[in-house]
N, C-alpha and C. Protein backbone atom coordinates (compact mmCIF):
# COMPACT_ATOMS: atom_id res chain seq x y z
N MET A 1 0.23 31.65 -4.56
CA MET A 1 1.22 30.05 -5.45
C MET A 1 0.29 29.13 -5.08
N HIS A 2 -0.30 28.62 -6.22
CA HIS A 2 -1.19 27.28 -6.38
C HIS A 2 0.08 26.90 -5.76
N PRO A 3 -1.31 25.45 -5.30
CA PRO A 3 -0.95 23.90 -4.47
C PRO A 3 0.06 23.22 -4.95
N GLU A 4 -0.65 23.83 -6.48
CA GLU A 4 0.80 22.52 -7.32
C GLU A 4 2.06 22.39 -7.56
N ALA A 5 2.58 23.90 -7.00
CA ALA A 5 3.95 24.79 -7.71
C ALA A 5 5.38 23.80 -7.00
N ASN A 6 4.23 23.91 -5.79
CA ASN A 6 5.88 22.93 -4.77
C ASN A 6 5.47 21.88 -5.47
N ARG A 7 5.29 20.88 -5.66
CA ARG A 7 5.06 20.02 -5.33
C ARG A 7 5.69 18.91 -4.97
N SER A 8 7.26 19.13 -6.39
CA SER A 8 8.71 18.72 -6.33
C SER A 8 8.94 18.48 -5.42
N GLN A 9 8.48 19.80 -4.78
CA GLN A 9 9.42 19.70 -3.13
C GLN A 9 9.37 19.20 -2.04
N LEU A 10 7.88 18.22 -1.94
CA LEU A 10 6.96 17.73 -1.21
C LEU A 10 8.16 16.04 -0.97
N PRO A 11 8.36 15.99 -0.40
CA PRO A 11 8.76 14.47 0.39
C PRO A 11 7.80 13.40 -0.12
N ARG A 12 8.51 12.59 -0.88
CA ARG A 12 7.55 11.56 -1.51
C ARG A 12 6.29 10.50 -0.47
N GLU A 13 5.97 9.68 -0.93
CA GLU A 13 5.89 8.50 0.00
C GLU A 13 6.37 7.48 -0.45
N ARG A 14 6.81 5.82 0.05
CA ARG A 14 7.53 5.36 -0.69
C ARG A 14 6.28 4.21 -0.53
N ASP A 15 6.56 3.62 -2.03
CA ASP A 15 5.90 2.69 -2.12
C ASP A 15 6.20 1.61 -1.06
N MET A 16 5.77 0.25 -2.16
CA MET A 16 6.01 -0.73 -0.55
C MET A 16 7.69 -1.25 -1.23
N ALA A 17 8.07 -1.30 -2.07
CA ALA A 17 9.66 -1.84 -1.93
C ALA A 17 9.97 -0.70 -1.28
N GLY A 18 9.89 0.30 -1.16
CA GLY A 18 10.82 1.39 -0.12
C GLY A 18 11.01 2.58 -0.93
N GLU A 19 10.92 2.46 -2.04
CA GLU A 19 11.28 3.63 -3.40
C GLU A 19 10.90 5.03 -2.79
N THR A 20 11.32 6.40 -3.11
CA THR A 20 10.97 7.01 -3.37
C THR A 20 10.70 7.98 -4.25
N GLU A 21 10.74 8.87 -5.02
CA GLU A 21 11.26 9.85 -6.52
C GLU A 21 12.95 9.90 -6.46
N ARG A 22 13.38 10.23 -5.43
CA ARG A 22 14.72 10.37 -4.96
C ARG A 22 15.76 9.33 -5.21
N SER A 23 15.26 8.25 -3.88
CA SER A 23 16.35 7.52 -3.07
C SER A 23 15.25 6.03 -3.35
N VAL A 24 15.95 4.96 -2.75
CA VAL A 24 15.20 3.50 -2.31
C VAL A 24 15.80 2.75 -1.46
N LEU A 25 14.94 2.28 -0.84
CA LEU A 25 15.74 1.43 0.60
C LEU A 25 16.56 0.44 0.72
N CYS A 26 17.16 0.10 1.20
CA CYS A 26 18.67 -0.68 0.84
C CYS A 26 17.65 -2.09 2.33
N GLN A 27 17.23 -3.26 1.60
CA GLN A 27 16.72 -3.57 2.62
C GLN A 27 17.61 -4.74 3.60
N ILE A 28 19.16 -4.43 3.14
CA ILE A 28 20.48 -5.31 3.68
C ILE A 28 20.35 -3.74 5.03
N CYS A 29 20.58 -3.09 5.30
CA CYS A 29 20.75 -2.04 6.32
C CYS A 29 19.75 -0.99 6.27
N GLN A 30 18.96 -0.86 5.84
CA GLN A 30 16.94 -0.76 6.07
C GLN A 30 16.91 0.98 6.18
N GLN A 31 18.42 1.65 5.11
CA GLN A 31 18.39 3.24 4.65
C GLN A 31 18.43 4.00 4.00
N PRO A 32 17.45 4.75 3.35
CA PRO A 32 17.55 4.92 1.88
C PRO A 32 19.26 5.35 1.31
N LYS A 33 18.72 5.12 0.46
CA LYS A 33 20.08 5.49 -0.14
C LYS A 33 19.86 6.11 -2.03
N PRO A 34 20.08 7.07 -2.01
CA PRO A 34 20.00 7.57 -3.85
C PRO A 34 20.09 6.39 -5.22
N ARG A 35 19.35 6.19 -6.18
CA ARG A 35 19.43 5.44 -6.98
C ARG A 35 20.33 5.16 -7.79
N GLY A 36 21.24 6.20 -7.31
CA GLY A 36 22.85 5.94 -8.01
C GLY A 36 23.51 4.59 -7.19
N GLU A 37 23.08 4.37 -5.90
CA GLU A 37 23.69 3.82 -5.03
C GLU A 37 23.59 2.44 -4.57
N VAL A 38 22.49 2.10 -5.40
CA VAL A 38 21.79 0.71 -5.25
C VAL A 38 21.97 -0.59 -5.89
N PHE A 39 21.56 -1.48 -5.83
CA PHE A 39 21.54 -2.33 -6.75
C PHE A 39 20.41 -3.36 -7.28
N HIS A 40 19.43 -3.38 -7.96
CA HIS A 40 18.32 -4.41 -7.46
C HIS A 40 18.95 -6.03 -7.76
N GLY A 41 18.05 -6.57 -6.91
CA GLY A 41 18.50 -7.87 -6.33
C GLY A 41 18.68 -8.54 -7.38
N ASP A 42 17.89 -8.41 -9.52
CA ASP A 42 17.87 -9.04 -10.52
C ASP A 42 19.83 -8.83 -11.00
N LEU A 43 20.23 -7.98 -10.40
CA LEU A 43 21.74 -8.27 -10.91
C LEU A 43 22.43 -8.46 -10.39
N ILE A 44 22.56 -9.39 -9.06
CA ILE A 44 23.08 -10.32 -8.80
C ILE A 44 23.06 -11.17 -8.95
N HIS A 45 24.46 -11.64 -8.22
CA HIS A 45 24.85 -12.85 -8.87
C HIS A 45 25.28 -14.24 -7.86
N GLY A 46 24.72 -15.39 -8.58
CA GLY A 46 25.98 -16.34 -7.42
C GLY A 46 26.23 -16.74 -6.64
N PRO A 47 27.67 -16.45 -6.01
CA PRO A 47 27.96 -16.68 -4.31
C PRO A 47 27.50 -15.47 -3.30
N VAL A 48 26.92 -14.39 -4.60
CA VAL A 48 27.36 -13.42 -3.49
C VAL A 48 25.21 -12.71 -3.08
N ARG A 49 25.10 -13.18 -4.13
CA ARG A 49 23.69 -13.28 -4.10
C ARG A 49 23.20 -14.39 -2.93
N GLU A 50 23.47 -15.50 -2.73
CA GLU A 50 23.72 -16.76 -2.27
C GLU A 50 23.77 -16.34 -0.78
N ALA A 51 25.25 -15.38 -0.77
CA ALA A 51 25.58 -14.95 1.10
C ALA A 51 24.37 -14.46 1.40
N ILE A 52 24.81 -12.78 0.51
CA ILE A 52 22.83 -12.19 1.09
C ILE A 52 21.72 -13.22 1.59
N ARG A 53 21.08 -13.72 1.59
CA ARG A 53 19.99 -14.70 0.77
C ARG A 53 20.51 -15.26 2.03
N LYS A 54 21.71 -15.95 2.44
CA LYS A 54 21.66 -17.12 3.24
C LYS A 54 21.43 -15.71 4.84
N ARG A 55 21.97 -14.72 4.74
CA ARG A 55 22.05 -13.48 6.08
C ARG A 55 20.52 -13.25 6.54
N TYR A 56 20.20 -13.01 5.24
CA TYR A 56 18.39 -12.20 5.36
C TYR A 56 17.99 -12.75 4.34
N PRO A 57 17.90 -13.75 4.65
CA PRO A 57 16.40 -15.09 3.97
C PRO A 57 15.14 -14.69 3.32
N ASN A 58 14.38 -12.92 3.93
CA ASN A 58 13.85 -12.29 3.31
C ASN A 58 14.20 -11.67 2.09
N TRP A 59 15.35 -11.16 1.68
CA TRP A 59 15.81 -11.01 0.45
C TRP A 59 15.73 -11.13 -0.52
N SER A 60 15.14 -10.39 -1.53
CA SER A 60 14.67 -11.40 -3.13
C SER A 60 14.67 -10.70 -4.57
N ASP A 61 15.13 -10.98 -5.52
CA ASP A 61 14.84 -10.46 -6.88
C ASP A 61 14.32 -8.91 -6.32
N ASP A 62 13.26 -8.72 -5.83
CA ASP A 62 13.06 -7.62 -6.73
C ASP A 62 12.80 -6.75 -5.29
N HIS A 63 14.37 -6.86 -3.92
CA HIS A 63 14.79 -5.71 -3.66
C HIS A 63 16.00 -5.59 -3.85
N TYR A 64 16.78 -4.01 -2.73
CA TYR A 64 17.77 -3.48 -3.71
C TYR A 64 18.51 -3.61 -2.69
N VAL A 65 19.70 -3.32 -2.64
CA VAL A 65 20.55 -3.68 -1.84
C VAL A 65 22.07 -2.21 -2.70
N CYS A 66 22.38 -1.87 -1.49
CA CYS A 66 23.55 -1.07 -1.05
C CYS A 66 24.86 -0.24 -1.73
N ALA A 67 25.63 0.01 -2.32
CA ALA A 67 26.61 -0.05 -3.14
C ALA A 67 27.84 -0.67 -1.94
N ALA A 68 27.42 -0.45 -0.72
CA ALA A 68 28.16 -0.35 0.22
C ALA A 68 28.24 -1.86 0.73
N ASP A 69 26.74 -2.06 1.15
CA ASP A 69 26.51 -3.76 1.77
C ASP A 69 27.06 -4.63 0.58
N LEU A 70 27.06 -4.04 -1.03
CA LEU A 70 27.27 -5.05 -1.86
C LEU A 70 28.60 -5.43 -1.56
N HIS A 71 29.74 -4.21 -1.49
CA HIS A 71 30.86 -4.56 -1.27
C HIS A 71 30.99 -5.04 -0.43
N ARG A 72 30.64 -4.87 0.52
CA ARG A 72 31.08 -5.99 2.31
C ARG A 72 31.08 -7.46 1.75
N PHE A 73 29.13 -7.92 1.35
CA PHE A 73 29.52 -9.38 0.76
C PHE A 73 30.35 -9.98 -0.29
N ARG A 74 30.95 -8.77 -1.27
CA ARG A 74 31.76 -9.63 -2.48
C ARG A 74 33.08 -9.62 -1.64
N THR A 75 33.31 -8.49 -0.80
CA THR A 75 34.79 -8.61 -0.08
C THR A 75 35.04 -10.21 1.09
N GLU A 76 33.71 -9.74 1.46
CA GLU A 76 33.54 -11.63 2.43
C GLU A 76 34.35 -13.26 1.42
N TYR A 77 33.12 -12.60 0.49
CA TYR A 77 33.01 -13.89 -0.89
C TYR A 77 34.31 -14.00 -0.90
N VAL A 78 34.97 -13.21 -1.80
CA VAL A 78 36.51 -13.41 -1.84
C VAL A 78 37.99 -14.21 -1.20
N GLU A 79 37.28 -13.43 0.16
CA GLU A 79 38.33 -13.79 1.02
C GLU A 79 37.93 -14.83 1.84
N ASP A 80 36.88 -15.76 1.67
CA ASP A 80 36.50 -16.97 1.82
C ASP A 80 36.83 -17.71 0.68
N VAL A 81 37.05 -17.41 -0.18
CA VAL A 81 37.85 -18.55 -0.89
C VAL A 81 38.99 -17.91 -1.20
N LEU A 82 39.27 -17.49 -1.20
CA LEU A 82 41.52 -17.18 -0.52
C LEU A 82 41.88 -18.32 0.03
N LYS A 83 40.66 -17.65 1.40
CA LYS A 83 40.80 -18.87 3.23
C LYS A 83 40.85 -20.60 2.79
N GLU A 84 40.31 -21.10 1.78
CA GLU A 84 39.65 -22.70 1.94
C GLU A 84 40.84 -22.12 0.57
N GLU A 85 41.54 -22.05 -0.48
CA GLU A 85 42.21 -21.95 -0.59
C GLU A 85 43.74 -22.08 -0.43
N LYS A 86 44.30 -21.35 -0.23
CA LYS A 86 45.09 -20.94 0.96
C LYS A 86 45.45 -21.03 2.92
N GLY A 87 44.20 -21.31 3.12
CA GLY A 87 43.81 -21.49 4.36
C GLY A 87 43.80 -20.52 5.09
N GLU A 88 44.52 -18.66 4.99
CA GLU A 88 44.37 -18.00 5.96
C GLU A 88 45.81 -16.53 5.06
N LEU A 89 44.41 -15.50 5.36
CA LEU A 89 45.14 -14.47 4.30
C LEU A 89 46.26 -13.52 5.11
N THR A 90 47.33 -13.44 4.19
CA THR A 90 48.48 -12.53 4.67
C THR A 90 47.41 -11.09 4.71
N THR A 91 48.36 -10.07 5.80
CA THR A 91 48.01 -9.31 5.18
C THR A 91 47.78 -8.57 4.33
N LEU A 92 49.08 -8.15 3.67
CA LEU A 92 48.84 -7.97 1.49
C LEU A 92 47.80 -7.89 0.86
N GLU A 93 47.42 -9.01 1.11
CA GLU A 93 46.30 -9.85 0.24
C GLU A 93 44.41 -9.58 1.12
N GLN A 94 44.21 -9.19 2.07
CA GLN A 94 43.31 -7.92 2.30
C GLN A 94 43.48 -6.85 2.34
N GLN A 95 44.63 -6.01 2.38
CA GLN A 95 44.72 -5.41 1.37
C GLN A 95 44.16 -5.44 -0.15
N VAL A 96 44.80 -5.83 -0.51
CA VAL A 96 44.40 -6.74 -2.03
C VAL A 96 43.07 -6.74 -3.04
N VAL A 97 42.65 -7.53 -2.06
CA VAL A 97 40.87 -7.70 -1.87
C VAL A 97 40.25 -6.68 -1.59
N ALA A 98 40.54 -5.88 -1.01
CA ALA A 98 39.53 -4.48 -0.63
C ALA A 98 39.51 -3.72 -1.24
N LEU A 99 41.04 -3.32 -2.18
CA LEU A 99 41.27 -2.74 -3.01
C LEU A 99 40.28 -3.34 -4.69
N ARG A 100 40.63 -4.18 -4.79
CA ARG A 100 40.13 -5.37 -5.88
C ARG A 100 38.31 -4.78 -6.14
N SER A 101 38.34 -4.97 -4.69
CA SER A 101 35.87 -4.74 -4.52
C SER A 101 35.92 -3.65 -4.24
N GLN A 102 36.56 -2.64 -3.96
CA GLN A 102 36.03 -1.19 -3.58
C GLN A 102 36.52 -1.39 -5.46
N GLU A 103 36.92 -1.33 -6.15
CA GLU A 103 37.60 -0.91 -7.43
C GLU A 103 36.08 -1.54 -8.85
N ARG A 104 35.54 -2.73 -7.89
CA ARG A 104 34.78 -3.11 -9.20
C ARG A 104 33.47 -2.42 -8.33
N LEU A 105 33.51 -1.90 -7.55
CA LEU A 105 32.16 -1.06 -7.07
C LEU A 105 32.26 -0.10 -7.35
N TYR A 106 33.28 0.65 -7.88
CA TYR A 106 33.65 2.37 -8.37
C TYR A 106 33.08 1.78 -9.95
N GLU A 107 33.55 0.56 -10.64
CA GLU A 107 33.40 0.53 -12.43
C GLU A 107 32.07 0.07 -12.07
N ALA A 108 31.07 -0.05 -11.09
CA ALA A 108 29.37 -0.54 -11.44
C ALA A 108 29.11 1.05 -10.80
N THR A 109 29.49 1.71 -10.41
CA THR A 109 28.40 3.19 -10.15
C THR A 109 28.87 4.19 -11.47
N GLY A 110 30.61 3.78 -11.87
CA GLY A 110 30.88 4.77 -12.84
C GLY A 110 31.86 6.07 -12.36
N ALA A 111 32.38 5.37 -10.95
CA ALA A 111 33.69 6.43 -10.96
C ALA A 111 34.77 5.93 -11.39
N GLY A 112 35.32 5.29 -12.09
CA GLY A 112 36.52 4.24 -12.67
C GLY A 112 37.01 4.28 -11.34
N GLY A 113 39.02 4.12 -11.03
CA GLY A 113 39.66 3.34 -10.61
C GLY A 113 40.69 3.77 -10.91
N ILE A 114 41.35 2.96 -9.46
CA ILE A 114 43.07 2.79 -10.47
C ILE A 114 43.50 1.31 -10.78
N PHE A 115 42.52 0.78 -11.36
CA PHE A 115 42.33 -0.78 -11.94
C PHE A 115 41.79 -0.15 -13.78
N ALA A 116 41.45 0.23 -13.59
CA ALA A 116 40.44 1.32 -15.13
C ALA A 116 41.85 1.28 -16.49
């Protein structure tokens, strides 16, 4: 068999951003994730971007964040806003925040969901 024949099966080396042909390194959790489960930093805006940069000062627009970590930051942001407005969240409000955040994650990844 020709040495080039199995080239697609060989693991590719990571480039400086932690990318391979099939996966991208999330700069938050430091885990390789499938390309469909990460977001490029230039797609993250506003207070969520500020929250990420506050906790991870070296994170930049050139880096990636996985869907799970982005979901966590979005949920924390919504909870913080609601706490500022009301002072405290009820259990039901926490569940609604989690559901809406999960729904936005599904929408962003094309999975649809209960609020679609």
